[in-house]
Amino acid sequence: MSHTFEKVAVALSLAFCLLCAADRATAAPRQVCFRMEYRTLPGLQLCATEGDLGHRRACRPPPIGVPTYADLIGHRVELWERDNGEGANDDYIGTWLITGHQTCITFDWESHPAYDESQPDVYVRLPMSVQDLAQAGPVMRAIKEDRTDYGGWWWRGTDSELTWLAANGNCPTGTACWIAPQGTLRPTESVTDDAARALQTLDSGQRALEVFGGAMTLGYPSPPEIRLQVPKNDCDPDGGGACAFSESDVGVSFSRTTWGETITHELGHILQRRQIYVHLNNGGANYGTDGTWTLSSEEMETVATHEGFASYVAAASWYDPEIFPNDARYRSTSADNPSAAPIDTSSCATYGNNSNGHRAEMVMRAFWDLDDSNNEGAVSPATSADTQNWTSLDIATRWGWLDLSSANGGVEEPPPNGRNLWDFVWAPGTPAGANALTHNCIQQNYGY
């Protein structure tokens, strides 16, 4: 079955050459078809696989020594019309989003401003950027370590290759013009170079844009793009890791390009920043005693909430909370299964070691419980069952309800308690989602 592209916001002019109007009036739209996939990186992990219940779109980690390929869903692709020479005179036709393995694009050539011949020589460019299929959120574009564009891949060909790249080098009306009709376009067979790693990270990150992109707009009809820097080697003191370092910039080290939940976690920080319009994501909060954190480590409430929310976004980008089994049957750790985080049941009012509200895994669990459809009963001393079932976007956009102040519950409230789960529940003064606190034995940590 052939898939179509979703058209991106590139308006094609209705103007046409008056001298050619008679010829163009009888023309039909052109259709260009191709197949495209990319080679997945060895060692791919922390992502939903095809056997996992409730996955939104599975990754495809390859067996050792066996090349594995995956479709470029949500990747942007351009069509160009080839002119003579080295490409300086080529004409841009438009940009679309890939929605499947076998893809066909239909466009009006005769009314296009680039029209200069009756049968265009069409080729494809993959520019290294992704977006959600509904185009409700921002584009994310991959850039190099020096902050310049990767440039992407072109299937332009030489004069002698045009019979392979398109139907006899031309795309007439009344037929599908296949690019590489007997094969599949693959950007690269490398699994080690910078561009291959950036492409894998883009594909992983598209999952977060697909679920949460509509909440990353900053209120603009055409939201500012997100720049994905691969590699970025100064996020952690050891040169690895990943980070979101502005409301529009995220970076991933080479060592994390194979971790599917790394980029979706960092996009959780971008999401929260764009909702609350705060540049310093943690407002200067310190991480532990050594500048790092883990899901189970004791942290300031500010840190635990921000990292717990980003971890929820990471998981919900790969798994649908409405389907994914909310227990430990399929995945054993809280990193993989939010509901597996252990509750400290010694006292819901504990402030010291192992207090629930100071651990990112418990905050992650609270957000997951708000989202999922599997409503468990209360476990003493927690006082309520899991009874609420929000949408992922309802959860994401509630951060935007916080007061624009530095007072308690405001977006500029400083650490150690600023922008914690209590503030999320009570914004903008009417409790909503308090069940996430009482069900997870967190309430007394936040004074609820």
Protein backbone atom coordinates (compact mmCIF):
# COMPACT_ATOMS: atom_id res chain seq x y z
CA MET A 1 0.00 0.00 0.00
CA SER A 2 1.37 3.38 -0.95
CA HIS A 3 1.64 6.06 1.70
CA THR A 4 1.30 9.76 1.05
CA PHE A 5 3.26 12.63 2.55
CA GLU A 6 1.80 15.22 4.88
CA LYS A 7 2.44 18.63 3.36
CA VAL A 8 4.55 20.99 5.46
CA ALA A 9 3.95 24.74 5.51
CA VAL A 10 5.48 25.51 2.14
CA ALA A 11 2.87 27.31 0.09
CA LEU A 12 2.99 26.68 -3.65
CA SER A 13 2.05 29.80 -5.59
CA LEU A 14 -1.00 29.70 -7.85
CA ALA A 15 0.61 32.18 -10.20
CA PHE A 16 1.41 30.87 -13.67
CA CYS A 17 2.90 32.02 -16.92
CA LEU A 18 0.15 33.63 -19.00
CA LEU A 19 1.91 32.76 -22.22
CA CYS A 20 1.82 29.10 -21.21
CA ALA A 21 -1.72 29.08 -19.84
CA ALA A 22 -3.16 27.11 -22.72
CA ASP A 23 -0.58 24.34 -22.36
CA ARG A 24 -0.83 24.20 -18.56
CA ALA A 25 -4.61 24.16 -18.39
CA THR A 26 -4.73 20.55 -19.54
CA ALA A 27 -1.91 19.31 -17.31
CA ALA A 28 -2.47 16.95 -14.38
CA PRO A 29 -0.67 16.87 -11.01
CA ARG A 30 2.64 15.00 -10.87
CA GLN A 31 3.28 12.07 -8.55
CA VAL A 32 6.74 11.05 -7.34
CA CYS A 33 7.18 7.77 -5.42
CA PHE A 34 10.09 6.16 -3.58
CA ARG A 35 10.98 3.93 -0.66
CA MET A 36 13.29 5.18 2.11
CA GLU A 37 14.75 3.72 5.30
CA TYR A 38 17.80 4.12 7.52
CA ARG A 39 20.18 1.70 9.18
CA THR A 40 19.69 1.57 12.95
CA LEU A 41 22.68 1.77 15.29
CA PRO A 42 24.08 -1.32 17.01
CA GLY A 43 23.53 -1.34 20.75
CA LEU A 44 20.23 0.54 20.51
CA GLN A 45 18.56 0.36 23.92
CA LEU A 46 16.13 2.08 26.31
CA CYS A 47 13.46 2.21 23.62
CA ALA A 48 10.24 0.35 22.90
CA THR A 49 10.79 -2.76 20.79
CA GLU A 50 8.33 -4.44 18.47
CA GLY A 51 7.44 -7.10 21.06
CA ASP A 52 6.53 -4.58 23.77
CA LEU A 53 2.87 -4.12 24.56
CA GLY A 54 1.68 -0.56 24.10
CA HIS A 55 4.63 0.80 22.13
CA ARG A 56 3.82 3.88 20.07
CA ARG A 57 6.45 3.23 17.39
CA ALA A 58 9.08 0.63 18.05
CA CYS A 59 12.79 1.03 17.53
CA ARG A 60 14.62 -1.79 15.80
CA PRO A 61 17.83 -2.72 17.64
CA PRO A 62 19.87 -4.92 15.29
CA PRO A 63 21.21 -8.32 16.28
CA ILE A 64 25.00 -8.45 16.49
CA GLY A 65 26.48 -8.23 13.01
CA VAL A 66 23.11 -8.07 11.22
CA PRO A 67 22.13 -4.79 9.51
CA THR A 68 18.63 -3.67 10.49
CA TYR A 69 16.63 -0.91 8.84
CA ALA A 70 13.70 1.24 9.96
CA ASP A 71 11.31 3.68 8.31
CA LEU A 72 11.92 7.41 8.65
CA ILE A 73 8.49 8.28 10.08
CA GLY A 74 8.08 12.01 10.74
CA HIS A 75 11.26 12.97 8.89
CA ARG A 76 11.01 15.91 6.54
CA VAL A 77 11.90 15.38 2.91
CA GLU A 78 12.29 17.84 0.04
CA LEU A 79 11.62 17.51 -3.68
CA TRP A 80 13.83 19.42 -6.11
CA GLU A 81 13.82 19.86 -9.88
CA ARG A 82 17.18 19.14 -11.44
CA ASP A 83 18.66 21.56 -13.95
CA ASN A 84 21.95 21.34 -15.80
CA GLY A 85 25.20 21.86 -13.93
CA GLU A 86 26.21 21.06 -10.38
CA GLY A 87 22.99 22.06 -8.66
CA ALA A 88 23.23 25.84 -8.26
CA ASN A 89 20.31 26.33 -10.65
CA ASP A 90 18.12 23.51 -9.29
CA ASP A 91 14.62 24.50 -8.22
CA TYR A 92 13.05 23.76 -4.85
CA ILE A 93 9.56 22.25 -5.17
CA GLY A 94 8.43 21.71 -1.56
CA THR A 95 8.79 19.90 1.77
CA TRP A 96 6.70 17.02 3.09
CA LEU A 97 6.72 14.59 6.01
CA ILE A 98 7.36 10.87 5.56
CA THR A 99 4.55 8.72 6.94
CA GLY A 100 5.54 5.25 5.74
CA HIS A 101 8.08 3.02 3.99
CA GLN A 102 6.68 3.38 0.47
CA THR A 103 5.77 6.98 -0.18
CA CYS A 104 4.13 8.95 -2.98
CA ILE A 105 4.03 12.75 -3.20
CA THR A 106 1.57 14.56 -5.45
CA PHE A 107 2.21 18.17 -6.43
CA ASP A 108 1.09 20.70 -9.02
CA TRP A 109 3.98 21.44 -11.35
CA GLU A 110 2.41 23.70 -13.96
CA SER A 111 1.38 26.32 -11.39
CA HIS A 112 4.64 26.16 -9.46
CA PRO A 113 6.94 29.24 -9.61
CA ALA A 114 9.85 26.96 -10.61
CA TYR A 115 8.05 25.71 -13.73
CA ASP A 116 10.48 25.90 -16.64
CA GLU A 117 9.89 22.68 -18.58
CA SER A 118 6.92 20.43 -19.21
CA GLN A 119 8.43 17.32 -17.61
CA PRO A 120 10.47 18.06 -14.45
CA ASP A 121 13.54 16.04 -13.48
CA VAL A 122 12.69 15.39 -9.84
CA TYR A 123 15.00 14.22 -7.07
CA VAL A 124 14.84 13.86 -3.28
CA ARG A 125 16.73 15.51 -0.42
CA LEU A 126 16.62 14.40 3.24
CA PRO A 127 17.54 17.54 5.25
CA MET A 128 17.98 16.01 8.76
CA SER A 129 14.89 17.37 10.51
CA VAL A 130 11.71 15.89 12.02
CA GLN A 131 8.25 16.98 13.16
CA ASP A 132 5.04 15.48 14.50
CA LEU A 133 2.81 14.16 11.71
CA ALA A 134 -0.01 16.57 12.59
CA GLN A 135 2.46 19.49 12.24
CA ALA A 136 1.10 20.90 15.48
CA GLY A 137 4.51 21.41 17.06
CA PRO A 138 8.03 22.57 16.24
CA VAL A 139 10.54 21.14 13.80
CA MET A 140 13.68 19.64 15.33
CA ARG A 141 16.82 20.01 13.20
CA ALA A 142 20.14 18.23 13.69
CA ILE A 143 23.33 20.32 13.82
CA LYS A 144 27.01 19.47 14.21
CA GLU A 145 29.32 20.04 17.15
CA ASP A 146 30.36 23.38 15.61
CA ARG A 147 26.65 24.37 15.39
CA THR A 148 26.52 24.19 11.57
CA ASP A 149 23.99 22.14 9.58
CA TYR A 150 24.71 18.55 8.67
CA GLY A 151 23.39 19.22 5.18
CA GLY A 152 21.55 15.93 4.86
CA TRP A 153 21.57 13.64 1.85
CA TRP A 154 20.75 14.28 -1.82
CA TRP A 155 19.79 11.74 -4.47
CA ARG A 156 20.48 14.07 -7.37
CA GLY A 157 22.60 11.86 -9.57
CA THR A 158 24.57 12.62 -12.71
CA ASP A 159 23.26 12.85 -16.25
CA SER A 160 23.97 9.15 -16.80
CA GLU A 161 22.10 8.21 -13.61
CA LEU A 162 18.85 9.99 -14.39
CA THR A 163 17.25 6.87 -15.83
CA TRP A 164 17.80 5.27 -12.41
CA LEU A 165 16.75 8.27 -10.33
CA ALA A 166 13.50 9.02 -12.15
CA ALA A 167 11.39 7.77 -15.04
CA ASN A 168 13.71 8.45 -18.00
CA GLY A 169 14.93 11.55 -16.18
CA ASN A 170 11.50 13.15 -16.41
CA CYS A 171 8.25 13.08 -14.50
CA PRO A 172 5.30 13.16 -16.94
CA THR A 173 1.63 13.30 -16.05
CA GLY A 174 -0.61 10.27 -15.75
CA THR A 175 1.90 7.93 -14.10
CA ALA A 176 3.81 7.46 -10.86
CA CYS A 177 7.40 8.63 -11.31
CA TRP A 178 9.51 6.22 -9.28
CA ILE A 179 12.90 7.15 -7.88
CA ALA A 180 14.98 3.98 -7.62
CA PRO A 181 11.98 1.84 -8.63
CA GLN A 182 13.68 -1.48 -7.88
CA GLY A 183 15.33 -0.41 -4.63
CA THR A 184 15.19 1.62 -1.43
CA LEU A 185 16.86 4.95 -0.73
CA ARG A 186 19.17 4.72 2.28
CA PRO A 187 20.98 7.82 3.55
CA THR A 188 24.05 5.93 4.76
CA GLU A 189 25.23 2.44 5.63
CA SER A 190 27.54 3.83 8.30
CA VAL A 191 26.71 3.25 11.96
CA THR A 192 29.67 5.20 13.32
CA ASP A 193 29.89 8.58 11.60
CA ASP A 194 28.43 11.76 13.08
CA ALA A 195 25.55 12.05 10.62
CA ALA A 196 24.39 8.46 11.19
CA ARG A 197 24.29 9.02 14.95
CA ALA A 198 22.46 12.30 14.54
CA LEU A 199 19.91 10.64 12.26
CA GLN A 200 19.26 7.90 14.84
CA THR A 201 18.81 10.51 17.59
CA LEU A 202 16.43 12.52 15.43
CA ASP A 203 14.34 9.42 14.84
CA SER A 204 14.19 8.61 18.55
CA GLY A 205 13.29 12.21 19.37
CA GLN A 206 10.46 12.29 16.86
CA ARG A 207 8.49 10.09 19.26
CA ALA A 208 8.42 12.90 21.83
CA LEU A 209 7.40 15.45 19.18
CA GLU A 210 4.63 13.11 18.03
CA VAL A 211 3.08 12.94 21.51
CA PHE A 212 3.97 16.30 23.05
CA GLY A 213 4.85 18.58 20.11
CA GLY A 214 1.55 20.43 20.35
CA ALA A 215 2.59 21.67 23.81
CA MET A 216 6.00 22.94 22.60
CA THR A 217 4.77 25.82 20.45
CA LEU A 218 5.58 28.75 22.79
CA GLY A 219 2.20 30.07 21.69
CA TYR A 220 3.28 30.74 18.10
CA PRO A 221 1.46 29.40 15.01
CA SER A 222 4.93 28.63 13.59
CA PRO A 223 6.92 27.73 16.73
CA PRO A 224 10.69 28.22 16.92
CA GLU A 225 12.58 25.13 15.85
CA ILE A 226 14.51 22.91 18.25
CA ARG A 227 18.20 22.46 17.48
CA LEU A 228 19.62 19.01 18.24
CA GLN A 229 23.41 19.12 18.58
CA VAL A 230 25.18 15.80 17.99
CA PRO A 231 27.66 15.44 19.48
CA LYS A 232 27.61 17.71 22.52
CA ASN A 233 30.35 16.58 24.84
CA ASP A 234 30.21 19.11 27.67
CA CYS A 235 26.84 18.22 29.26
CA ASP A 236 28.48 16.09 31.97
CA PRO A 237 31.89 16.55 33.59
CA ASP A 238 33.04 13.28 32.05
CA GLY A 239 32.23 14.45 28.52
CA GLY A 240 29.17 12.27 28.05
CA GLY A 241 25.50 12.57 28.81
CA ALA A 242 22.93 14.89 27.33
CA CYS A 243 21.32 18.19 28.24
CA ALA A 244 18.71 20.77 27.31
CA PHE A 245 20.57 24.08 27.55
CA SER A 246 17.89 26.53 26.39
CA GLU A 247 14.22 26.36 25.46
CA SER A 248 15.32 25.60 21.88
CA ASP A 249 18.62 23.72 22.25
CA VAL A 250 19.34 20.13 23.21
CA GLY A 251 22.57 18.18 22.91
CA VAL A 252 23.45 14.49 23.06
CA SER A 253 26.90 12.95 23.35
CA PHE A 254 27.92 10.10 21.05
CA SER A 255 27.66 7.63 23.91
CA ARG A 256 23.96 8.45 24.35
CA THR A 257 22.86 8.38 20.71
CA THR A 258 21.99 4.70 21.14
CA TRP A 259 19.86 5.36 24.24
CA GLY A 260 16.37 5.98 22.90
CA GLU A 261 15.01 7.55 26.09
CA THR A 262 17.88 10.05 26.38
CA ILE A 263 16.63 12.44 23.71
CA THR A 264 12.98 12.00 24.71
CA HIS A 265 13.97 12.86 28.30
CA GLU A 266 15.78 16.02 27.23
CA LEU A 267 12.80 17.04 25.11
CA GLY A 268 10.77 16.74 28.32
CA HIS A 269 12.90 19.59 29.69
CA ILE A 270 12.34 21.59 26.48
CA LEU A 271 8.60 20.99 26.87
CA GLN A 272 8.54 22.23 30.46
CA ARG A 273 10.66 25.27 29.64
CA ARG A 274 8.39 26.24 26.78
CA GLN A 275 5.35 25.88 29.01
CA ILE A 276 6.65 28.01 31.87
CA TYR A 277 8.94 30.38 29.90
CA VAL A 278 11.84 29.89 32.30
CA HIS A 279 15.33 29.83 30.80
CA LEU A 280 17.17 28.12 33.65
CA ASN A 281 15.35 24.85 33.87
CA ASN A 282 16.13 24.21 37.53
CA GLY A 283 16.59 27.80 38.62
CA GLY A 284 20.08 27.15 39.91
CA ALA A 285 19.19 24.01 41.86
CA ASN A 286 22.12 21.78 42.75
CA TYR A 287 22.19 18.09 41.89
CA GLY A 288 23.15 15.86 44.80
CA THR A 289 26.65 16.23 46.17
CA ASP A 290 28.54 15.55 42.95
CA GLY A 291 26.51 17.39 40.31
CA THR A 292 24.66 14.30 39.14
CA TRP A 293 21.34 12.61 39.85
CA THR A 294 19.70 9.22 39.45
CA LEU A 295 16.08 8.16 39.48
CA SER A 296 16.41 6.92 43.06
CA SER A 297 18.78 9.53 44.52
CA GLU A 298 17.68 12.06 47.15
CA GLU A 299 17.41 15.50 45.55
CA MET A 300 15.86 18.88 46.09
CA GLU A 301 12.15 18.87 45.29
CA THR A 302 12.91 21.19 42.35
CA VAL A 303 15.38 18.70 40.88
CA ALA A 304 13.28 15.62 41.62
CA THR A 305 10.20 17.17 40.00
CA HIS A 306 11.95 18.43 36.88
CA GLU A 307 13.85 15.21 36.29
CA GLY A 308 10.82 13.11 37.21
CA PHE A 309 8.63 14.98 34.74
CA ALA A 310 11.25 14.66 31.98
CA SER A 311 11.51 10.94 32.75
CA TYR A 312 7.72 10.63 32.44
CA VAL A 313 7.88 12.36 29.04
CA ALA A 314 10.70 10.01 28.02
CA ALA A 315 8.64 6.93 28.84
CA ALA A 316 5.31 8.24 27.50
CA SER A 317 6.99 9.10 24.20
CA TRP A 318 7.77 5.42 23.62
CA TYR A 319 4.80 3.79 25.38
CA ASP A 320 1.11 4.67 25.46
CA PRO A 321 0.07 4.87 29.14
CA GLU A 322 -3.44 3.83 28.08
CA ILE A 323 -2.13 0.46 26.87
CA PHE A 324 1.23 -0.22 28.50
CA PRO A 325 0.76 -2.57 31.49
CA ASN A 326 1.10 -0.48 34.60
CA ASP A 327 2.96 -3.07 36.64
CA ALA A 328 6.30 -4.87 36.66
CA ARG A 329 5.31 -7.90 34.63
CA TYR A 330 6.99 -6.81 31.42
CA ARG A 331 9.80 -4.52 32.54
CA SER A 332 11.56 -4.74 35.85
CA THR A 333 12.98 -1.34 36.75
CA SER A 334 11.48 2.06 37.35
CA ALA A 335 13.56 3.40 34.46
CA ASP A 336 11.61 1.15 32.10
CA ASN A 337 8.31 0.90 33.96
CA PRO A 338 7.25 3.99 35.94
CA SER A 339 4.86 2.02 38.12
CA ALA A 340 7.70 -0.14 39.42
CA ALA A 341 9.22 2.70 41.46
CA PRO A 342 9.25 1.57 45.11
CA ILE A 343 7.16 3.68 47.49
CA ASP A 344 8.69 4.47 50.85
CA THR A 345 5.74 3.47 53.00
CA SER A 346 7.34 4.13 56.38
CA SER A 347 5.52 7.44 56.48
CA CYS A 348 3.95 9.69 53.87
CA ALA A 349 5.29 12.63 55.88
CA THR A 350 8.95 11.56 55.79
CA TYR A 351 11.38 14.33 54.84
CA GLY A 352 14.68 12.50 55.26
CA ASN A 353 16.27 9.69 53.32
CA ASN A 354 13.97 7.89 50.87
CA SER A 355 11.19 10.47 51.17
CA ASN A 356 9.06 9.98 48.09
CA GLY A 357 8.80 13.56 46.88
CA HIS A 358 12.57 13.93 46.73
CA ARG A 359 13.10 11.06 44.27
CA ALA A 360 12.66 11.53 40.54
CA GLU A 361 11.34 8.00 40.11
CA MET A 362 8.41 8.72 42.43
CA VAL A 363 7.56 11.97 40.67
CA MET A 364 7.77 10.08 37.36
CA ARG A 365 5.40 7.50 38.79
CA ALA A 366 2.96 10.19 39.92
CA PHE A 367 2.77 11.72 36.45
CA TRP A 368 2.39 8.27 34.89
CA ASP A 369 -0.48 7.47 37.28
CA LEU A 370 -2.23 10.67 36.19
CA ASP A 371 -1.93 9.54 32.57
CA ASP A 372 -2.50 5.80 32.59
CA SER A 373 -5.82 3.94 32.43
CA ASN A 374 -4.82 1.21 34.89
CA ASN A 375 -6.18 2.51 38.20
CA GLU A 376 -4.72 0.62 41.15
CA GLY A 377 -5.98 0.61 44.70
CA ALA A 378 -4.29 2.40 47.58
CA VAL A 379 -1.33 0.79 49.35
CA SER A 380 -1.11 1.77 53.03
CA PRO A 381 -0.11 4.27 54.27
CA ALA A 382 -1.03 6.00 50.98
CA THR A 383 -4.59 7.23 51.35
CA SER A 384 -6.17 6.98 47.91
CA ALA A 385 -6.45 4.78 44.86
CA ASP A 386 -5.25 5.83 41.41
CA THR A 387 -8.52 7.19 40.05
CA GLN A 388 -7.54 9.77 37.43
CA ASN A 389 -6.84 9.38 33.72
CA TRP A 390 -5.60 12.58 32.08
CA THR A 391 -4.30 12.88 28.54
CA SER A 392 -0.58 13.35 27.99
CA LEU A 393 -1.20 16.85 26.62
CA ASP A 394 -3.38 17.78 29.61
CA ILE A 395 -0.44 16.97 31.86
CA ALA A 396 2.10 18.79 29.66
CA THR A 397 0.10 22.01 29.36
CA ARG A 398 -0.73 22.36 33.05
CA TRP A 399 2.79 23.67 33.64
CA GLY A 400 1.69 26.73 31.70
CA TRP A 401 -0.85 27.54 34.39
CA LEU A 402 1.72 28.47 37.04
CA ASP A 403 1.67 32.10 38.20
CA LEU A 404 4.23 34.42 36.64
CA SER A 405 5.85 35.27 39.95
CA SER A 406 8.59 34.23 42.36
CA ALA A 407 6.08 33.50 45.10
CA ASN A 408 5.23 29.99 46.25
CA GLY A 409 3.79 28.17 43.24
CA GLY A 410 5.14 30.70 40.73
CA VAL A 411 7.39 29.93 37.78
CA GLU A 412 10.28 31.90 39.31
CA GLU A 413 10.06 30.35 42.77
CA PRO A 414 13.65 29.43 43.67
CA PRO A 415 14.99 26.05 44.82
CA PRO A 416 14.84 23.91 46.81
CA ASN A 417 11.04 23.79 46.41
CA GLY A 418 10.32 25.85 43.30
CA ARG A 419 8.17 24.31 40.57
CA ASN A 420 7.65 21.07 42.42
CA LEU A 421 4.83 18.57 42.09
CA TRP A 422 2.80 20.43 44.72
CA ASP A 423 2.93 23.56 42.55
CA PHE A 424 1.82 21.52 39.53
CA VAL A 425 -1.20 20.15 41.42
CA TRP A 426 -2.26 23.50 42.87
CA ALA A 427 -1.80 25.67 39.77
CA PRO A 428 -3.54 28.08 39.38
CA GLY A 429 -5.00 27.80 42.86
CA THR A 430 -7.54 25.01 42.33
CA PRO A 431 -6.24 21.50 43.04
CA ALA A 432 -6.23 19.11 40.11
CA GLY A 433 -4.41 15.84 40.11
CA ALA A 434 -3.93 15.76 43.89
CA ASN A 435 -4.68 12.06 43.59
CA ALA A 436 -1.17 11.70 42.13
CA LEU A 437 0.19 12.86 45.49
CA THR A 438 -2.03 10.92 47.85
CA HIS A 439 -1.82 7.72 45.81
CA ASN A 440 1.98 7.82 45.82
CA CYS A 441 2.48 8.78 49.45
CA ILE A 442 3.95 12.15 48.50
CA GLN A 443 1.44 14.60 49.89
CA GLN A 444 3.15 15.54 53.14
CA ASN A 445 6.42 16.28 51.43
CA TYR A 446 4.69 19.12 49.67
CA GLY A 447 2.47 20.28 52.52
CA TYR A 448 -0.70 18.97 50.94
